[in-house]
């Protein structure tokens, strides 16, 4: 009976992982397509503005308006450019959503364009970290105190990922393990996925909570 339950549990976990990986892949493809379209639009739009400016001469408000449009256009860009297109997709889509929730974001990221680590696995790790951070922030009653900090880079031949966020209530902990604050149906699944994927690459996960901040560090050998 115990062996059957173990096998059933592994099968369910594998199916959930495959489903989540498929969603991540589709989402990244969609976002990459959006960015490609935006880059093409931006390139063409600059040409249009330059042509109109040349034609308009000194016609006051028209020229002023077009200059303002040109200034606004320089702000149309991705939030982060890490050096890896797939990581750009998941990071920028998640951070855009977080910012839309009026959560302060401070993010820096640089990733090698080619990785031995599966990009799908890396997206799952980053996606879960940011989802957990956003959910913790949204549970805070004081909106002005919400923040998320992200740093991703190469450190001593390892990919270093750090995500820290504000928290408004006590962090649940069992022994040395932090527990999810989500409902029972998804209890700890994101945390478990991060831990298992880190272990898959002989990586390291460190979680700390103190003075209203929860931080997670993930180290993955390159």
Protein backbone atom coordinates (compact mmCIF):
# COMPACT_ATOMS: atom_id res chain seq x y z
CA UNK A 1 0.00 0.00 0.00
CA UNK A 2 2.85 2.36 0.92
CA UNK A 3 4.66 1.65 -2.36
CA UNK A 4 1.47 2.25 -4.36
CA UNK A 5 0.92 5.60 -2.66
CA UNK A 6 4.52 6.55 -3.34
CA UNK A 7 4.24 5.67 -7.03
CA UNK A 8 0.90 7.47 -7.31
CA UNK A 9 2.36 10.55 -5.65
CA UNK A 10 5.32 10.58 -8.04
CA UNK A 11 3.02 10.18 -11.06
CA UNK A 12 0.80 13.07 -9.94
CA UNK A 13 3.84 15.26 -9.24
CA UNK A 14 5.30 14.47 -12.67
CA UNK A 15 2.03 15.33 -14.42
CA UNK A 16 1.70 18.60 -12.52
CA UNK A 17 5.31 19.48 -13.36
CA UNK A 18 4.77 18.68 -17.05
CA UNK A 19 1.62 20.80 -17.11
CA UNK A 20 3.35 23.74 -15.43
CA UNK A 21 6.35 23.46 -17.75
CA UNK A 22 4.02 23.48 -20.77
CA UNK A 23 2.28 26.61 -19.49
CA UNK A 24 5.63 28.33 -18.92
CA UNK A 25 6.78 27.47 -22.45
CA UNK A 26 3.58 28.77 -24.05
CA UNK A 27 3.66 31.92 -21.95
CA UNK A 28 7.29 32.64 -22.87
CA UNK A 29 6.53 32.14 -26.58
CA UNK A 30 3.63 34.58 -26.38
CA UNK A 31 5.64 37.23 -24.55
CA UNK A 32 8.61 36.86 -26.92
CA UNK A 33 6.25 37.44 -29.84
CA UNK A 34 4.90 40.59 -28.18
CA UNK A 35 8.43 41.91 -27.65
CA UNK A 36 9.34 41.19 -31.27
CA UNK A 37 6.30 43.13 -32.46
CA UNK A 38 7.07 46.02 -30.13
CA UNK A 39 10.67 46.23 -31.32
CA UNK A 40 9.53 46.39 -34.96
CA UNK A 41 6.93 49.03 -34.14
CA UNK A 42 9.48 51.09 -32.22
CA UNK A 43 11.98 50.98 -35.08
CA UNK A 44 9.39 52.11 -37.67
CA UNK A 45 7.90 54.75 -35.40
CA UNK A 46 11.23 56.50 -34.94
CA UNK A 47 11.50 56.86 -38.72
CA UNK A 48 7.98 58.31 -38.91
CA UNK A 49 8.73 60.90 -36.23
CA UNK A 50 12.00 61.94 -37.85
CA UNK A 51 10.26 62.39 -41.21
CA UNK A 52 7.40 64.41 -39.68
CA UNK A 53 9.80 66.60 -37.75
CA UNK A 54 11.69 67.40 -40.95
CA UNK A 55 8.43 68.30 -42.73
CA UNK A 56 6.89 70.31 -39.92
CA UNK A 57 9.65 72.90 -39.75
CA UNK A 58 8.97 75.38 -36.94
CA UNK A 59 5.23 75.02 -36.71
CA UNK A 60 5.10 75.49 -32.97
CA UNK A 61 2.74 73.12 -31.23
CA UNK A 62 3.00 70.40 -33.89
CA UNK A 63 6.76 70.18 -33.49
CA UNK A 64 6.49 70.33 -29.68
CA UNK A 65 3.90 67.56 -29.66
CA UNK A 66 6.00 65.32 -31.91
CA UNK A 67 9.06 65.87 -29.72
CA UNK A 68 7.05 64.76 -26.69
CA UNK A 69 5.96 61.65 -28.57
CA UNK A 70 9.58 60.93 -29.38
CA UNK A 71 10.54 61.27 -25.71
CA UNK A 72 7.70 58.97 -24.66
CA UNK A 73 8.77 56.39 -27.20
CA UNK A 74 12.19 55.98 -25.60
CA UNK A 75 10.40 54.61 -22.54
CA UNK A 76 8.73 51.83 -24.52
CA UNK A 77 11.06 48.97 -23.71
CA UNK A 78 11.30 45.79 -21.68
CA UNK A 79 11.80 46.15 -17.93
CA UNK A 80 14.98 44.06 -17.99
CA UNK A 81 17.35 42.71 -20.61
CA UNK A 82 19.25 39.86 -19.01
CA UNK A 83 21.08 38.54 -22.07
CA UNK A 84 18.82 35.48 -22.28
CA UNK A 85 15.60 35.88 -24.30
CA UNK A 86 13.56 33.24 -22.48
CA UNK A 87 14.51 34.58 -19.03
CA UNK A 88 13.68 38.09 -20.29
CA UNK A 89 10.20 36.87 -21.16
CA UNK A 90 9.34 35.36 -17.77
CA UNK A 91 11.02 38.13 -15.76
CA UNK A 92 9.45 41.03 -17.62
CA UNK A 93 5.97 39.55 -17.72
CA UNK A 94 6.05 38.81 -13.97
CA UNK A 95 7.57 42.18 -13.04
CA UNK A 96 5.05 44.05 -15.20
CA UNK A 97 2.24 42.27 -13.37
CA UNK A 98 3.83 43.02 -9.99
CA UNK A 99 4.19 46.71 -10.84
CA UNK A 100 0.57 46.84 -11.98
CA UNK A 101 -0.35 45.81 -8.41
CA UNK A 102 1.44 48.96 -7.16
CA UNK A 103 4.28 47.01 -5.60
CA UNK A 104 7.67 48.76 -5.68
CA UNK A 105 10.23 46.80 -7.71
CA UNK A 106 14.01 47.01 -7.72
CA UNK A 107 15.47 44.49 -10.17
CA UNK A 108 18.84 43.77 -11.74
CA UNK A 109 19.60 40.69 -13.80
CA UNK A 110 22.32 39.39 -16.10
CA UNK A 111 22.22 35.82 -17.42
CA UNK A 112 24.51 34.04 -19.91
CA UNK A 113 22.86 33.72 -23.31
CA UNK A 114 23.55 29.97 -23.27
CA UNK A 115 23.01 27.86 -20.17
CA UNK A 116 23.61 24.23 -19.27
CA UNK A 117 20.66 24.56 -16.92
CA UNK A 118 17.31 23.99 -18.62
CA UNK A 119 15.73 27.35 -19.42
CA UNK A 120 12.34 25.81 -18.63
CA UNK A 121 13.52 24.82 -15.15
CA UNK A 122 15.03 28.25 -14.61
CA UNK A 123 11.79 29.93 -15.65
CA UNK A 124 9.85 27.74 -13.22
CA UNK A 125 12.22 28.70 -10.37
CA UNK A 126 12.05 32.43 -11.16
CA UNK A 127 8.30 32.32 -11.80
CA UNK A 128 7.58 30.61 -8.48
CA UNK A 129 9.88 32.96 -6.56
CA UNK A 130 8.16 36.04 -7.99
CA UNK A 131 4.66 34.59 -7.60
CA UNK A 132 5.35 33.86 -3.93
CA UNK A 133 6.85 37.32 -3.39
CA UNK A 134 3.89 39.06 -5.03
CA UNK A 135 1.33 37.07 -3.03
CA UNK A 136 3.15 37.89 0.21
CA UNK A 137 3.14 41.61 -0.67
CA UNK A 138 -0.55 41.59 -1.55
CA UNK A 139 -1.36 40.18 1.90
CA UNK A 140 0.07 43.34 3.45
CA UNK A 141 -2.55 45.86 4.52
CA UNK A 142 -0.19 48.85 4.05
CA UNK A 143 0.19 49.27 0.28
CA UNK A 144 3.02 51.82 0.57
CA UNK A 145 5.19 49.29 2.43
CA UNK A 146 5.07 46.64 -0.31
CA UNK A 147 8.29 45.97 -2.21
CA UNK A 148 10.16 43.26 -4.10
CA UNK A 149 13.90 43.20 -4.83
CA UNK A 150 15.39 40.91 -7.46
CA UNK A 151 19.02 40.22 -8.29
CA UNK A 152 20.22 37.60 -10.77
CA UNK A 153 23.84 37.22 -11.82
CA UNK A 154 26.86 34.96 -12.08
CA UNK A 155 28.85 34.54 -8.88
CA UNK A 156 31.85 32.20 -8.61
CA UNK A 157 30.76 30.14 -11.63
CA UNK A 158 27.26 29.78 -10.23
CA UNK A 159 23.99 31.41 -11.22
CA UNK A 160 22.89 33.40 -8.20
CA UNK A 161 19.20 34.28 -7.82
CA UNK A 162 18.00 36.46 -4.96
CA UNK A 163 14.40 37.54 -4.39
CA UNK A 164 13.38 39.44 -1.26
CA UNK A 165 10.02 40.92 -0.40
CA UNK A 166 8.19 42.73 2.35
CA UNK A 167 5.90 40.70 4.58
CA UNK A 168 3.09 41.91 6.77
CA UNK A 169 2.54 38.97 9.08
CA UNK A 170 4.51 36.27 10.87
CA UNK A 171 6.15 33.69 8.63
CA UNK A 172 5.02 30.14 9.31
CA UNK A 173 7.85 27.72 9.99
CA UNK A 174 8.13 24.04 10.88
CA UNK A 175 11.60 23.26 12.19
CA UNK A 176 13.99 24.73 9.64
CA UNK A 177 11.38 24.71 6.86
CA UNK A 178 9.28 27.73 5.90
CA UNK A 179 5.66 26.97 5.10
CA UNK A 180 3.48 28.45 2.41
CA UNK A 181 0.67 30.79 3.46
CA UNK A 182 -1.51 29.73 0.52
CA UNK A 183 -4.64 27.61 0.75
CA UNK A 184 -4.35 23.88 1.38
CA UNK A 185 -4.79 22.90 -2.29
CA UNK A 186 -1.52 24.53 -3.31
CA UNK A 187 0.17 24.38 0.08
CA UNK A 188 3.89 24.64 -0.41
CA UNK A 189 3.87 23.45 -4.02
CA UNK A 190 5.86 26.43 -5.30
CA UNK A 191 8.41 26.06 -2.52
CA UNK A 192 8.70 22.34 -3.21
CA UNK A 193 9.24 22.89 -6.95
CA UNK A 194 12.04 25.37 -6.26
CA UNK A 195 13.75 22.98 -3.85
CA UNK A 196 13.47 19.99 -6.18
CA UNK A 197 14.75 21.84 -9.22
CA UNK A 198 17.69 23.25 -7.26
CA UNK A 199 18.51 19.74 -6.04
CA UNK A 200 18.33 18.46 -9.63
CA UNK A 201 21.36 20.64 -10.47
CA UNK A 202 23.13 20.10 -7.13
CA UNK A 203 22.19 23.64 -6.25
CA UNK A 204 21.46 25.38 -2.98
CA UNK A 205 18.41 27.17 -1.57
CA UNK A 206 18.55 29.48 1.43
CA UNK A 207 15.53 31.19 2.98
CA UNK A 208 15.63 33.84 5.69
CA UNK A 209 12.99 35.98 7.39
CA UNK A 210 13.65 38.94 9.64
CA UNK A 211 12.26 42.40 10.39
CA UNK A 212 9.43 42.33 7.88
CA UNK A 213 11.47 40.93 4.99
CA UNK A 214 11.49 37.43 3.52
CA UNK A 215 14.45 36.52 1.30
CA UNK A 216 15.25 33.50 -0.86
CA UNK A 217 18.64 32.77 -2.41
CA UNK A 218 19.15 30.09 -5.05
CA UNK A 219 22.60 29.03 -6.25
CA UNK A 220 22.86 26.85 -9.38
CA UNK A 221 26.27 25.58 -10.60
CA UNK A 222 27.06 26.60 -14.17
